[in-house]
Structure formats: structure tokens, C-alpha cells
């Protein structure tokens, strides 16, 4: 899956950074991580993004949703509830 280097959501410009699969799992045990301090970045599992498909799209959307929750100062419990519900919509 080909991604732009930057995306703009509302007033935020976010850099999309693909990093090696091994590093993502050693550091965060995740396929994506949103960094909530400027400059805003989303780190993504390079192997997953390269493979493409619904899982790659889902992780990018998931991390962009973190940005929306950050922007509107929504509580973590609500954020996780919506994310987990969202993940199971396509199953």
C-alpha cells in the first residue's frame, strides 16, 4: 500500500513513518503508534503496510482516530471502546 509522507486532518499535519516490523514489536508491540507531541507522527509497521489489504487500511485509520481523540480531548475509556468496536465491524 502506498502512503503519502504527510496527511492533514483539521489543523494537524501528521507525518506517516514506516519502520521495520521488528522495531514496532520490540518498542510498542503494535502495528501503529500515534505520537501526541509536535511534530505529530504516526509510526507504522512497514511489513504490514507493504502487504496492503484491509489490515493495513485498518491500522492507518485506527491511528488517525487517535488524532481525533487527541484533538477533542476525549477520554481514553471512550476512545478504546470505540476503537475496539470499530475493529470488529468488518468481521
N, C-alpha and C. Protein backbone atom coordinates (compact mmCIF):
# COMPACT_ATOMS: atom_id res chain seq x y z
N UNK A 1 0.86 -1.17 0.00
CA UNK A 1 0.00 0.00 0.00
C UNK A 1 0.90 1.23 0.00
N UNK A 2 0.64 2.16 -0.86
CA UNK A 2 1.43 3.37 -0.94
C UNK A 2 0.77 4.46 -0.09
N UNK A 3 1.58 5.10 0.76
CA UNK A 3 1.07 6.16 1.64
C UNK A 3 1.76 7.48 1.33
N UNK A 4 1.05 8.58 1.55
CA UNK A 4 1.73 9.88 1.45
C UNK A 4 2.67 10.06 2.64
N UNK A 5 3.63 10.96 2.52
CA UNK A 5 4.54 11.22 3.65
C UNK A 5 3.83 11.98 4.76
N UNK A 6 2.87 12.82 4.38
CA UNK A 6 2.14 13.64 5.35
C UNK A 6 0.65 13.59 5.03
N UNK A 7 -0.18 13.67 6.07
CA UNK A 7 -1.62 13.87 5.90
C UNK A 7 -2.02 15.04 6.80
N UNK A 8 -3.05 15.75 6.39
CA UNK A 8 -3.56 16.85 7.19
C UNK A 8 -4.97 16.50 7.62
N UNK A 9 -5.20 16.58 8.92
CA UNK A 9 -6.51 16.32 9.50
C UNK A 9 -6.85 17.52 10.35
N UNK A 10 -7.87 18.29 9.93
CA UNK A 10 -8.18 19.53 10.64
C UNK A 10 -6.95 20.42 10.64
N UNK A 11 -6.57 20.93 11.81
CA UNK A 11 -5.41 21.82 11.86
C UNK A 11 -4.07 21.08 12.00
N UNK A 12 -4.09 19.76 12.00
CA UNK A 12 -2.88 18.98 12.26
C UNK A 12 -2.30 18.38 10.99
N UNK A 13 -1.01 18.53 10.82
CA UNK A 13 -0.29 17.83 9.78
C UNK A 13 0.49 16.73 10.47
N UNK A 14 0.31 15.50 9.98
CA UNK A 14 0.89 14.33 10.61
C UNK A 14 1.80 13.62 9.61
N UNK A 15 3.01 13.31 10.04
CA UNK A 15 3.93 12.56 9.21
C UNK A 15 3.66 11.07 9.39
N UNK A 16 3.57 10.33 8.29
CA UNK A 16 3.41 8.88 8.34
C UNK A 16 4.78 8.26 8.11
N UNK A 17 5.24 7.48 9.10
CA UNK A 17 6.59 6.93 9.05
C UNK A 17 6.50 5.40 9.15
N UNK A 18 7.00 4.71 8.14
CA UNK A 18 7.06 3.25 8.19
C UNK A 18 8.39 2.83 8.80
N UNK A 19 8.31 1.94 9.78
CA UNK A 19 9.51 1.44 10.45
C UNK A 19 9.53 -0.08 10.38
N UNK A 20 10.70 -0.68 10.53
CA UNK A 20 10.79 -2.14 10.43
C UNK A 20 9.88 -2.85 11.42
N UNK A 21 9.33 -3.97 10.96
CA UNK A 21 8.41 -4.78 11.75
C UNK A 21 9.00 -5.13 13.12
N UNK A 22 10.25 -5.57 13.17
CA UNK A 22 10.89 -5.98 14.41
C UNK A 22 10.93 -4.84 15.43
N UNK A 23 11.21 -3.63 14.95
CA UNK A 23 11.26 -2.48 15.84
C UNK A 23 9.89 -2.15 16.43
N UNK A 24 8.84 -2.20 15.60
CA UNK A 24 7.49 -1.92 16.11
C UNK A 24 7.13 -2.86 17.25
N UNK A 25 7.43 -4.12 17.11
CA UNK A 25 7.06 -5.09 18.14
C UNK A 25 7.97 -5.02 19.36
N UNK A 26 9.25 -4.68 19.18
CA UNK A 26 10.14 -4.55 20.33
C UNK A 26 9.82 -3.32 21.15
N UNK A 27 9.47 -2.23 20.48
CA UNK A 27 9.24 -0.97 21.18
C UNK A 27 7.81 -0.84 21.69
N UNK A 28 6.82 -1.13 20.85
CA UNK A 28 5.45 -0.85 21.27
C UNK A 28 4.50 -2.04 21.17
N UNK A 29 4.97 -3.16 20.64
CA UNK A 29 4.11 -4.33 20.45
C UNK A 29 2.81 -3.97 19.73
N UNK A 30 2.94 -3.15 18.71
CA UNK A 30 1.77 -2.70 17.95
C UNK A 30 2.15 -2.56 16.48
N UNK A 31 1.11 -2.44 15.64
CA UNK A 31 1.38 -2.20 14.22
C UNK A 31 1.38 -0.72 13.89
N UNK A 32 0.95 0.11 14.83
CA UNK A 32 0.95 1.54 14.64
C UNK A 32 0.99 2.27 15.96
N UNK A 33 1.58 3.47 15.94
CA UNK A 33 1.66 4.29 17.15
C UNK A 33 1.53 5.75 16.75
N UNK A 34 0.61 6.47 17.41
CA UNK A 34 0.45 7.91 17.20
C UNK A 34 1.23 8.65 18.27
N UNK A 35 2.07 9.60 17.86
CA UNK A 35 2.87 10.41 18.80
C UNK A 35 2.14 11.72 19.02
N UNK A 36 1.77 11.98 20.29
CA UNK A 36 0.90 13.12 20.61
C UNK A 36 1.64 14.41 20.92
N UNK A 37 2.86 14.53 20.49
CA UNK A 37 3.58 15.80 20.68
C UNK A 37 4.11 16.25 19.33
N UNK A 38 4.16 17.55 19.14
CA UNK A 38 4.67 18.05 17.85
C UNK A 38 6.15 17.70 17.68
N UNK A 39 6.61 17.40 16.50
CA UNK A 39 5.81 17.25 15.28
C UNK A 39 5.04 15.93 15.32
N UNK A 40 3.78 15.99 14.98
CA UNK A 40 2.91 14.81 15.06
C UNK A 40 3.34 13.76 14.05
N UNK A 41 3.41 12.51 14.53
CA UNK A 41 3.83 11.41 13.67
C UNK A 41 2.99 10.18 13.98
N UNK A 42 2.82 9.37 12.96
CA UNK A 42 2.25 8.04 13.14
C UNK A 42 3.29 7.07 12.60
N UNK A 43 3.76 6.21 13.50
CA UNK A 43 4.70 5.16 13.11
C UNK A 43 3.91 3.92 12.74
N UNK A 44 4.24 3.32 11.61
CA UNK A 44 3.50 2.18 11.10
C UNK A 44 4.44 1.01 10.80
N UNK A 45 3.95 -0.18 11.01
CA UNK A 45 4.69 -1.40 10.72
C UNK A 45 4.89 -1.51 9.21
N UNK A 46 6.13 -1.38 8.79
CA UNK A 46 6.47 -1.37 7.37
C UNK A 46 6.02 -2.64 6.65
N UNK A 47 6.16 -3.77 7.30
CA UNK A 47 5.77 -5.04 6.69
C UNK A 47 4.27 -5.10 6.42
N UNK A 48 3.47 -4.63 7.39
CA UNK A 48 2.02 -4.64 7.23
C UNK A 48 1.59 -3.68 6.12
N UNK A 49 2.17 -2.50 6.10
CA UNK A 49 1.80 -1.51 5.08
C UNK A 49 2.19 -2.02 3.70
N UNK A 50 3.36 -2.63 3.58
CA UNK A 50 3.80 -3.16 2.30
C UNK A 50 2.86 -4.25 1.80
N UNK A 51 2.35 -5.08 2.71
CA UNK A 51 1.43 -6.15 2.34
C UNK A 51 0.09 -5.60 1.86
N UNK A 52 -0.30 -4.43 2.38
CA UNK A 52 -1.56 -3.81 1.98
C UNK A 52 -2.77 -4.57 2.50
N UNK A 53 -3.91 -4.35 1.88
CA UNK A 53 -5.14 -5.03 2.26
C UNK A 53 -5.85 -4.37 3.42
N UNK A 54 -6.93 -5.01 3.89
CA UNK A 54 -7.77 -4.42 4.93
C UNK A 54 -7.05 -4.17 6.25
N UNK A 55 -6.10 -5.04 6.61
CA UNK A 55 -5.39 -4.83 7.88
C UNK A 55 -4.55 -3.57 7.84
N UNK A 56 -3.90 -3.31 6.73
CA UNK A 56 -3.08 -2.10 6.59
C UNK A 56 -3.96 -0.86 6.64
N UNK A 57 -5.07 -0.89 5.94
CA UNK A 57 -6.00 0.25 5.94
C UNK A 57 -6.54 0.47 7.36
N UNK A 58 -6.89 -0.61 8.04
CA UNK A 58 -7.45 -0.52 9.39
C UNK A 58 -6.47 0.14 10.36
N UNK A 59 -5.19 -0.24 10.29
CA UNK A 59 -4.22 0.33 11.24
C UNK A 59 -4.01 1.82 10.98
N UNK A 60 -4.02 2.24 9.71
CA UNK A 60 -3.87 3.67 9.41
C UNK A 60 -5.09 4.44 9.93
N UNK A 61 -6.28 3.94 9.67
CA UNK A 61 -7.50 4.60 10.17
C UNK A 61 -7.49 4.63 11.69
N UNK A 62 -7.12 3.53 12.30
CA UNK A 62 -7.07 3.44 13.77
C UNK A 62 -6.17 4.53 14.35
N UNK A 63 -4.98 4.70 13.78
CA UNK A 63 -4.05 5.70 14.30
C UNK A 63 -4.55 7.12 14.03
N UNK A 64 -5.21 7.34 12.90
CA UNK A 64 -5.78 8.67 12.63
C UNK A 64 -6.92 8.98 13.60
N UNK A 65 -7.65 7.96 14.03
CA UNK A 65 -8.69 8.18 15.04
C UNK A 65 -8.09 8.64 16.36
N UNK A 66 -6.90 8.15 16.69
CA UNK A 66 -6.22 8.65 17.90
C UNK A 66 -6.03 10.16 17.81
N UNK A 67 -5.69 10.65 16.62
CA UNK A 67 -5.52 12.09 16.42
C UNK A 67 -6.82 12.84 16.72
N UNK A 68 -7.94 12.31 16.25
CA UNK A 68 -9.23 12.95 16.52
C UNK A 68 -9.54 13.00 18.01
N UNK A 69 -9.25 11.94 18.72
CA UNK A 69 -9.48 11.93 20.16
C UNK A 69 -8.54 12.88 20.86
N UNK A 70 -7.32 12.98 20.40
CA UNK A 70 -6.36 13.93 20.96
C UNK A 70 -6.85 15.36 20.74
N UNK A 71 -7.30 15.65 19.53
CA UNK A 71 -7.74 17.00 19.17
C UNK A 71 -8.90 17.47 20.05
N UNK A 72 -9.85 16.58 20.34
CA UNK A 72 -11.04 16.97 21.09
C UNK A 72 -10.98 16.59 22.56
N UNK A 73 -9.82 16.16 23.02
CA UNK A 73 -9.59 15.84 24.45
C UNK A 73 -10.62 14.85 24.97
N UNK A 74 -10.89 13.82 24.19
CA UNK A 74 -11.84 12.80 24.63
C UNK A 74 -11.14 11.81 25.56
N UNK A 75 -11.89 11.21 26.46
CA UNK A 75 -11.30 10.34 27.46
C UNK A 75 -10.84 9.02 26.86
N UNK A 76 -9.82 8.43 27.46
CA UNK A 76 -9.23 7.20 26.95
C UNK A 76 -10.22 6.05 26.95
N UNK A 77 -11.06 5.92 27.97
CA UNK A 77 -12.01 4.81 28.04
C UNK A 77 -12.94 4.83 26.82
N UNK A 78 -13.48 5.99 26.51
CA UNK A 78 -14.36 6.12 25.36
C UNK A 78 -13.60 5.82 24.07
N UNK A 79 -12.38 6.30 24.00
CA UNK A 79 -11.55 6.07 22.83
C UNK A 79 -11.34 4.58 22.60
N UNK A 80 -10.96 3.85 23.61
CA UNK A 80 -10.70 2.42 23.44
C UNK A 80 -11.97 1.65 23.14
N UNK A 81 -13.08 2.03 23.74
CA UNK A 81 -14.35 1.36 23.47
C UNK A 81 -14.73 1.50 21.99
N UNK A 82 -14.63 2.69 21.46
CA UNK A 82 -14.96 2.93 20.06
C UNK A 82 -13.99 2.19 19.15
N UNK A 83 -12.70 2.21 19.47
CA UNK A 83 -11.71 1.55 18.62
C UNK A 83 -11.95 0.06 18.57
N UNK A 84 -12.21 -0.56 19.73
CA UNK A 84 -12.42 -2.00 19.72
C UNK A 84 -13.71 -2.35 18.99
N UNK A 85 -14.75 -1.55 19.15
CA UNK A 85 -15.98 -1.79 18.39
C UNK A 85 -15.74 -1.63 16.89
N UNK A 86 -14.95 -0.62 16.52
CA UNK A 86 -14.66 -0.35 15.12
C UNK A 86 -13.89 -1.51 14.49
N UNK A 87 -12.96 -2.11 15.24
CA UNK A 87 -12.15 -3.20 14.71
C UNK A 87 -12.99 -4.41 14.34
N UNK A 88 -14.09 -4.61 15.03
CA UNK A 88 -14.88 -5.81 14.79
C UNK A 88 -16.03 -5.59 13.81
N UNK A 89 -16.14 -4.38 13.24
CA UNK A 89 -17.21 -4.12 12.30
C UNK A 89 -17.12 -4.98 11.04
N UNK A 90 -15.90 -5.26 10.60
CA UNK A 90 -15.77 -5.99 9.34
C UNK A 90 -15.70 -7.50 9.53
N UNK A 91 -15.94 -7.99 10.73
CA UNK A 91 -15.86 -9.43 10.97
C UNK A 91 -17.23 -10.07 11.02
